[in-house]
C-alpha cells in the first residue's frame, strides 16, 4: 500500500482508521507509516503521526527505545505545532522508561506555561511532567512549586483545570490517574 500517497492526498478519520487496520493486520506496515512521520512534506508527516498516535494508543509495544528517541527528538526540534502535539501524545501513550530525557523535561516546563504554545501542547507537557515524577521523585516538589507559583489568570480554562488536577495528584501521590 502506498501510504505516502494516501496521506498526501486525503485526510479523514476514516482514512486514518483504515491505515491503522492495515497495520494491525500486518505489523510490518507500521515501520513504513512510522518512517513517514519524518517525511520532508510536513502534511504527510503530520498525518502519519496522527495514524501512528492512534495505533500506539492501542499497541504501545510497536515503539521500541530507538523509535521513542526519534519521537522525543521530533518533539524537541519540530516547528510544526501539530507534529509537536502528536509527538507528545505518542510519548504519553508509551510505558514509562527508567531514563528521562533532560531536554524534554526542561522544554515541557517551558511549554507548559508558554502563551505561544497551543493549549494541547501545554496540557500534554504538564501530563508528561506528572508522569516523569513517577520515575524521578525529586522532580515532584519542583513541579508542585512551579505549578503553585504562576498565576492562574494567565492560563486558559483548560490549563487551569489541568493545573488543579495535577496538583491534586502530585500532593496525594496519586500519579496513576490521568491529568
C-alpha atoms as a PDB file:
ATOM      1  CA  UNK A   1       0.000   0.000   0.000  1.00  0.00           C
ATOM      2  CA  UNK A   2       1.305   3.478  -0.884  1.00  0.00           C
ATOM      3  CA  UNK A   3       0.805   5.150   2.485  1.00  0.00           C
ATOM      4  CA  UNK A   4       2.649   8.316   1.485  1.00  0.00           C
ATOM      5  CA  UNK A   5       0.346   8.970  -1.437  1.00  0.00           C
ATOM      6  CA  UNK A   6      -2.722   8.218   0.670  1.00  0.00           C
ATOM      7  CA  UNK A   7      -1.602  10.620   3.386  1.00  0.00           C
ATOM      8  CA  UNK A   8      -0.578  13.305   0.914  1.00  0.00           C
ATOM      9  CA  UNK A   9      -3.888  13.453  -0.878  1.00  0.00           C
ATOM     10  CA  UNK A  10      -6.520  12.689   1.717  1.00  0.00           C
ATOM     11  CA  UNK A  11      -7.382  13.435   5.293  1.00  0.00           C
ATOM     12  CA  UNK A  12     -10.188  11.927   7.260  1.00  0.00           C
ATOM     13  CA  UNK A  13     -10.654   9.946  10.409  1.00  0.00           C
ATOM     14  CA  UNK A  14     -11.869   7.090   8.215  1.00  0.00           C
ATOM     15  CA  UNK A  15      -8.575   7.118   6.277  1.00  0.00           C
ATOM     16  CA  UNK A  16      -6.542   7.085   9.496  1.00  0.00           C
ATOM     17  CA  UNK A  17      -8.676   4.226  10.833  1.00  0.00           C
ATOM     18  CA  UNK A  18      -8.208   2.270   7.590  1.00  0.00           C
ATOM     19  CA  UNK A  19      -4.434   2.742   7.695  1.00  0.00           C
ATOM     20  CA  UNK A  20      -4.455   1.571  11.312  1.00  0.00           C
ATOM     21  CA  UNK A  21      -6.429  -1.531  10.294  1.00  0.00           C
ATOM     22  CA  UNK A  22      -3.867  -2.459   7.622  1.00  0.00           C
ATOM     23  CA  UNK A  23      -1.110  -2.138  10.199  1.00  0.00           C
ATOM     24  CA  UNK A  24      -2.998  -4.232  12.744  1.00  0.00           C
ATOM     25  CA  UNK A  25      -3.289  -6.869  10.011  1.00  0.00           C
ATOM     26  CA  UNK A  26       0.440  -6.739   9.219  1.00  0.00           C
ATOM     27  CA  UNK A  27       2.656  -5.123  11.850  1.00  0.00           C
ATOM     28  CA  UNK A  28       5.500  -4.804   9.310  1.00  0.00           C
ATOM     29  CA  UNK A  29       3.477  -1.957   7.784  1.00  0.00           C
ATOM     30  CA  UNK A  30       3.922   0.040  10.986  1.00  0.00           C
ATOM     31  CA  UNK A  31       7.565   0.789  10.155  1.00  0.00           C
ATOM     32  CA  UNK A  32       6.504   2.207   6.794  1.00  0.00           C
ATOM     33  CA  UNK A  33       3.942   4.531   8.366  1.00  0.00           C
ATOM     34  CA  UNK A  34       6.293   5.417  11.233  1.00  0.00           C
ATOM     35  CA  UNK A  35       9.045   6.442   8.794  1.00  0.00           C
ATOM     36  CA  UNK A  36       6.601   8.855   7.153  1.00  0.00           C
ATOM     37  CA  UNK A  37       6.489  10.887  10.399  1.00  0.00           C
ATOM     38  CA  UNK A  38       9.887  12.199   9.321  1.00  0.00           C
ATOM     39  CA  UNK A  39       8.899  12.923   5.713  1.00  0.00           C
ATOM     40  CA  UNK A  40      10.048  16.270   4.324  1.00  0.00           C
ATOM     41  CA  UNK A  41       6.437  17.081   3.412  1.00  0.00           C
ATOM     42  CA  UNK A  42       5.020  18.319   6.729  1.00  0.00           C
ATOM     43  CA  UNK A  43       1.475  17.455   5.683  1.00  0.00           C
ATOM     44  CA  UNK A  44       2.435  13.814   5.143  1.00  0.00           C
ATOM     45  CA  UNK A  45       4.488  13.790   8.353  1.00  0.00           C
ATOM     46  CA  UNK A  46       1.645  15.247  10.420  1.00  0.00           C
ATOM     47  CA  UNK A  47      -0.898  12.787   9.025  1.00  0.00           C
ATOM     48  CA  UNK A  48       1.477   9.845   9.541  1.00  0.00           C
ATOM     49  CA  UNK A  49       1.980  10.955  13.146  1.00  0.00           C
ATOM     50  CA  UNK A  50      -1.777  11.068  13.596  1.00  0.00           C
ATOM     51  CA  UNK A  51      -2.091   7.498  12.284  1.00  0.00           C
ATOM     52  CA  UNK A  52       0.794   6.308  14.486  1.00  0.00           C
ATOM     53  CA  UNK A  53      -0.704   8.008  17.528  1.00  0.00           C
ATOM     54  CA  UNK A  54      -3.926   6.016  17.089  1.00  0.00           C
ATOM     55  CA  UNK A  55      -2.041   2.757  16.563  1.00  0.00           C
ATOM     56  CA  UNK A  56       0.307   3.294  19.502  1.00  0.00           C
ATOM     57  CA  UNK A  57      -2.554   4.065  21.859  1.00  0.00           C
ATOM     58  CA  UNK A  58      -3.823   0.569  21.164  1.00  0.00           C
ATOM     59  CA  UNK A  59      -0.449  -1.155  20.727  1.00  0.00           C
ATOM     60  CA  UNK A  60       2.290   0.761  22.586  1.00  0.00           C
ATOM     61  CA  UNK A  61       4.709  -2.137  22.075  1.00  0.00           C
ATOM     62  CA  UNK A  62       5.044  -1.042  18.418  1.00  0.00           C
ATOM     63  CA  UNK A  63       7.518   1.547  19.732  1.00  0.00           C
ATOM     64  CA  UNK A  64      10.955   0.403  20.850  1.00  0.00           C
ATOM     65  CA  UNK A  65      13.576   2.568  22.551  1.00  0.00           C
ATOM     66  CA  UNK A  66      15.068   3.751  19.254  1.00  0.00           C
ATOM     67  CA  UNK A  67      11.670   4.871  17.948  1.00  0.00           C
ATOM     68  CA  UNK A  68      10.899   6.510  21.277  1.00  0.00           C
ATOM     69  CA  UNK A  69      14.120   8.505  20.982  1.00  0.00           C
ATOM     70  CA  UNK A  70      13.173   9.539  17.441  1.00  0.00           C
ATOM     71  CA  UNK A  71       9.765  10.754  18.635  1.00  0.00           C
ATOM     72  CA  UNK A  72      11.392  12.632  21.527  1.00  0.00           C
ATOM     73  CA  UNK A  73      13.838  14.300  19.135  1.00  0.00           C
ATOM     74  CA  UNK A  74      10.986  15.249  16.834  1.00  0.00           C
ATOM     75  CA  UNK A  75       9.037  16.797  19.704  1.00  0.00           C
ATOM     76  CA  UNK A  76      12.092  18.829  20.696  1.00  0.00           C
ATOM     77  CA  UNK A  77      13.013  20.051  17.210  1.00  0.00           C
ATOM     78  CA  UNK A  78       9.906  20.394  15.072  1.00  0.00           C
ATOM     79  CA  UNK A  79       8.437  23.803  14.350  1.00  0.00           C
ATOM     80  CA  UNK A  80       5.149  22.221  13.252  1.00  0.00           C
ATOM     81  CA  UNK A  81       2.684  22.547  16.138  1.00  0.00           C
ATOM     82  CA  UNK A  82       0.640  19.539  15.040  1.00  0.00           C
ATOM     83  CA  UNK A  83       3.709  17.291  14.914  1.00  0.00           C
ATOM     84  CA  UNK A  84       4.802  18.556  18.327  1.00  0.00           C
ATOM     85  CA  UNK A  85       1.375  17.846  19.821  1.00  0.00           C
ATOM     86  CA  UNK A  86       1.196  14.378  18.298  1.00  0.00           C
ATOM     87  CA  UNK A  87       4.777  13.562  19.365  1.00  0.00           C
ATOM     88  CA  UNK A  88       3.928  14.473  22.958  1.00  0.00           C
ATOM     89  CA  UNK A  89       0.714  12.468  22.759  1.00  0.00           C
ATOM     90  CA  UNK A  90       2.629   9.435  21.480  1.00  0.00           C
ATOM     91  CA  UNK A  91       5.174   9.765  24.305  1.00  0.00           C
ATOM     92  CA  UNK A  92       2.339   9.985  26.807  1.00  0.00           C
ATOM     93  CA  UNK A  93       0.866   6.727  25.448  1.00  0.00           C
ATOM     94  CA  UNK A  94       4.083   4.782  25.989  1.00  0.00           C
ATOM     95  CA  UNK A  95       5.098   2.901  29.109  1.00  0.00           C
ATOM     96  CA  UNK A  96       7.373   4.964  31.301  1.00  0.00           C
ATOM     97  CA  UNK A  97      11.028   4.041  30.953  1.00  0.00           C
ATOM     98  CA  UNK A  98      13.638   4.378  33.655  1.00  0.00           C
ATOM     99  CA  UNK A  99      15.500   7.147  31.862  1.00  0.00           C
ATOM    100  CA  UNK A 100      14.111  10.556  31.083  1.00  0.00           C
ATOM    101  CA  UNK A 101      15.470  12.953  28.507  1.00  0.00           C
ATOM    102  CA  UNK A 102      16.505  16.039  30.498  1.00  0.00           C
ATOM    103  CA  UNK A 103      15.974  18.286  27.485  1.00  0.00           C
ATOM    104  CA  UNK A 104      12.409  17.020  27.286  1.00  0.00           C
ATOM    105  CA  UNK A 105      11.824  17.791  30.969  1.00  0.00           C
ATOM    106  CA  UNK A 106      13.158  21.309  30.541  1.00  0.00           C
ATOM    107  CA  UNK A 107      11.156  22.053  27.415  1.00  0.00           C
ATOM    108  CA  UNK A 108       7.981  20.623  28.974  1.00  0.00           C
ATOM    109  CA  UNK A 109       8.366  23.108  31.835  1.00  0.00           C
ATOM    110  CA  UNK A 110       8.743  25.879  29.268  1.00  0.00           C
ATOM    111  CA  UNK A 111       5.883  24.759  27.007  1.00  0.00           C
ATOM    112  CA  UNK A 112       3.536  24.205  29.929  1.00  0.00           C
ATOM    113  CA  UNK A 113       3.323  27.959  30.584  1.00  0.00           C
ATOM    114  CA  UNK A 114       4.136  29.378  27.158  1.00  0.00           C
ATOM    115  CA  UNK A 115       1.404  31.515  25.651  1.00  0.00           C
ATOM    116  CA  UNK A 116       2.998  30.778  22.271  1.00  0.00           C
ATOM    117  CA  UNK A 117       2.173  27.083  22.539  1.00  0.00           C
ATOM    118  CA  UNK A 118      -1.266  25.660  21.762  1.00  0.00           C
ATOM    119  CA  UNK A 119      -3.257  24.618  24.814  1.00  0.00           C
ATOM    120  CA  UNK A 120      -2.920  20.955  23.810  1.00  0.00           C
ATOM    121  CA  UNK A 121       0.892  21.205  23.900  1.00  0.00           C
ATOM    122  CA  UNK A 122       0.713  22.966  27.279  1.00  0.00           C
ATOM    123  CA  UNK A 123      -1.563  20.275  28.732  1.00  0.00           C
ATOM    124  CA  UNK A 124       0.419  17.362  27.275  1.00  0.00           C
ATOM    125  CA  UNK A 125       3.629  18.871  28.648  1.00  0.00           C
ATOM    126  CA  UNK A 126       2.075  19.024  32.099  1.00  0.00           C
ATOM    127  CA  UNK A 127       0.848  15.430  31.841  1.00  0.00           C
ATOM    128  CA  UNK A 128       4.318  14.234  30.832  1.00  0.00           C
ATOM    129  CA  UNK A 129       5.896  16.084  33.748  1.00  0.00           C
ATOM    130  CA  UNK A 130       3.468  14.429  36.168  1.00  0.00           C
ATOM    131  CA  UNK A 131       4.408  11.027  34.726  1.00  0.00           C
ATOM    132  CA  UNK A 132       8.106  11.854  34.974  1.00  0.00           C
ATOM    133  CA  UNK A 133       7.576  12.367  38.713  1.00  0.00           C
ATOM    134  CA  UNK A 134       6.957   8.604  38.989  1.00  0.00           C
ATOM    135  CA  UNK A 135      10.485   7.910  37.797  1.00  0.00           C
ATOM    136  CA  UNK A 136      12.204  10.894  39.324  1.00  0.00           C
ATOM    137  CA  UNK A 137      10.611  11.639  42.714  1.00  0.00           C
ATOM    138  CA  UNK A 138      12.941  14.626  43.209  1.00  0.00           C
ATOM    139  CA  UNK A 139      11.096  16.322  40.354  1.00  0.00           C
ATOM    140  CA  UNK A 140       7.795  16.267  42.237  1.00  0.00           C
ATOM    141  CA  UNK A 141       8.458  19.105  44.738  1.00  0.00           C
ATOM    142  CA  UNK A 142       9.870  21.223  41.928  1.00  0.00           C
ATOM    143  CA  UNK A 143       6.797  20.667  39.771  1.00  0.00           C
ATOM    144  CA  UNK A 144       4.442  21.394  42.679  1.00  0.00           C
ATOM    145  CA  UNK A 145       6.292  24.631  43.463  1.00  0.00           C
ATOM    146  CA  UNK A 146       6.267  25.598  39.799  1.00  0.00           C
ATOM    147  CA  UNK A 147       2.543  24.948  39.431  1.00  0.00           C
ATOM    148  CA  UNK A 148       1.731  26.852  42.601  1.00  0.00           C
ATOM    149  CA  UNK A 149       3.897  29.813  41.664  1.00  0.00           C
ATOM    150  CA  UNK A 150       2.323  31.013  38.452  1.00  0.00           C
ATOM    151  CA  UNK A 151      -0.909  32.974  38.352  1.00  0.00           C
ATOM    152  CA  UNK A 152      -3.885  31.060  37.042  1.00  0.00           C
ATOM    153  CA  UNK A 153      -5.428  34.167  35.491  1.00  0.00           C
ATOM    154  CA  UNK A 154      -2.773  33.904  32.770  1.00  0.00           C
ATOM    155  CA  UNK A 155      -3.900  30.380  31.897  1.00  0.00           C
ATOM    156  CA  UNK A 156      -6.667  29.144  29.652  1.00  0.00           C
ATOM    157  CA  UNK A 157      -9.633  27.494  31.415  1.00  0.00           C
ATOM    158  CA  UNK A 158      -8.366  24.087  30.247  1.00  0.00           C
ATOM    159  CA  UNK A 159      -4.931  24.677  31.726  1.00  0.00           C
ATOM    160  CA  UNK A 160      -6.431  25.986  34.980  1.00  0.00           C
ATOM    161  CA  UNK A 161      -8.278  22.677  35.304  1.00  0.00           C
ATOM    162  CA  UNK A 162      -5.227  20.621  34.272  1.00  0.00           C
ATOM    163  CA  UNK A 163      -3.059  22.505  36.786  1.00  0.00           C
ATOM    164  CA  UNK A 164      -5.590  21.937  39.569  1.00  0.00           C
ATOM    165  CA  UNK A 165      -5.871  18.220  38.802  1.00  0.00           C
ATOM    166  CA  UNK A 166      -2.096  17.822  38.514  1.00  0.00           C
ATOM    167  CA  UNK A 167      -1.548  19.496  41.887  1.00  0.00           C
ATOM    168  CA  UNK A 168      -4.143  17.241  43.473  1.00  0.00           C
ATOM    169  CA  UNK A 169      -2.485  14.111  42.070  1.00  0.00           C
ATOM    170  CA  UNK A 170       1.011  15.252  42.958  1.00  0.00           C
ATOM    171  CA  UNK A 171       0.120  16.199  46.525  1.00  0.00           C
ATOM    172  CA  UNK A 172      -1.763  12.973  47.198  1.00  0.00           C
ATOM    173  CA  UNK A 173       0.738  10.685  45.414  1.00  0.00           C
ATOM    174  CA  UNK A 174      -1.953   9.583  43.001  1.00  0.00           C
ATOM    175  CA  UNK A 175       0.194   9.738  39.862  1.00  0.00           C
ATOM    176  CA  UNK A 176      -1.593   6.866  38.121  1.00  0.00           C
ATOM    177  CA  UNK A 177      -4.631   8.873  37.113  1.00  0.00           C
ATOM    178  CA  UNK A 178      -4.764  10.999  34.005  1.00  0.00           C
ATOM    179  CA  UNK A 179      -4.388  14.732  34.428  1.00  0.00           C
END
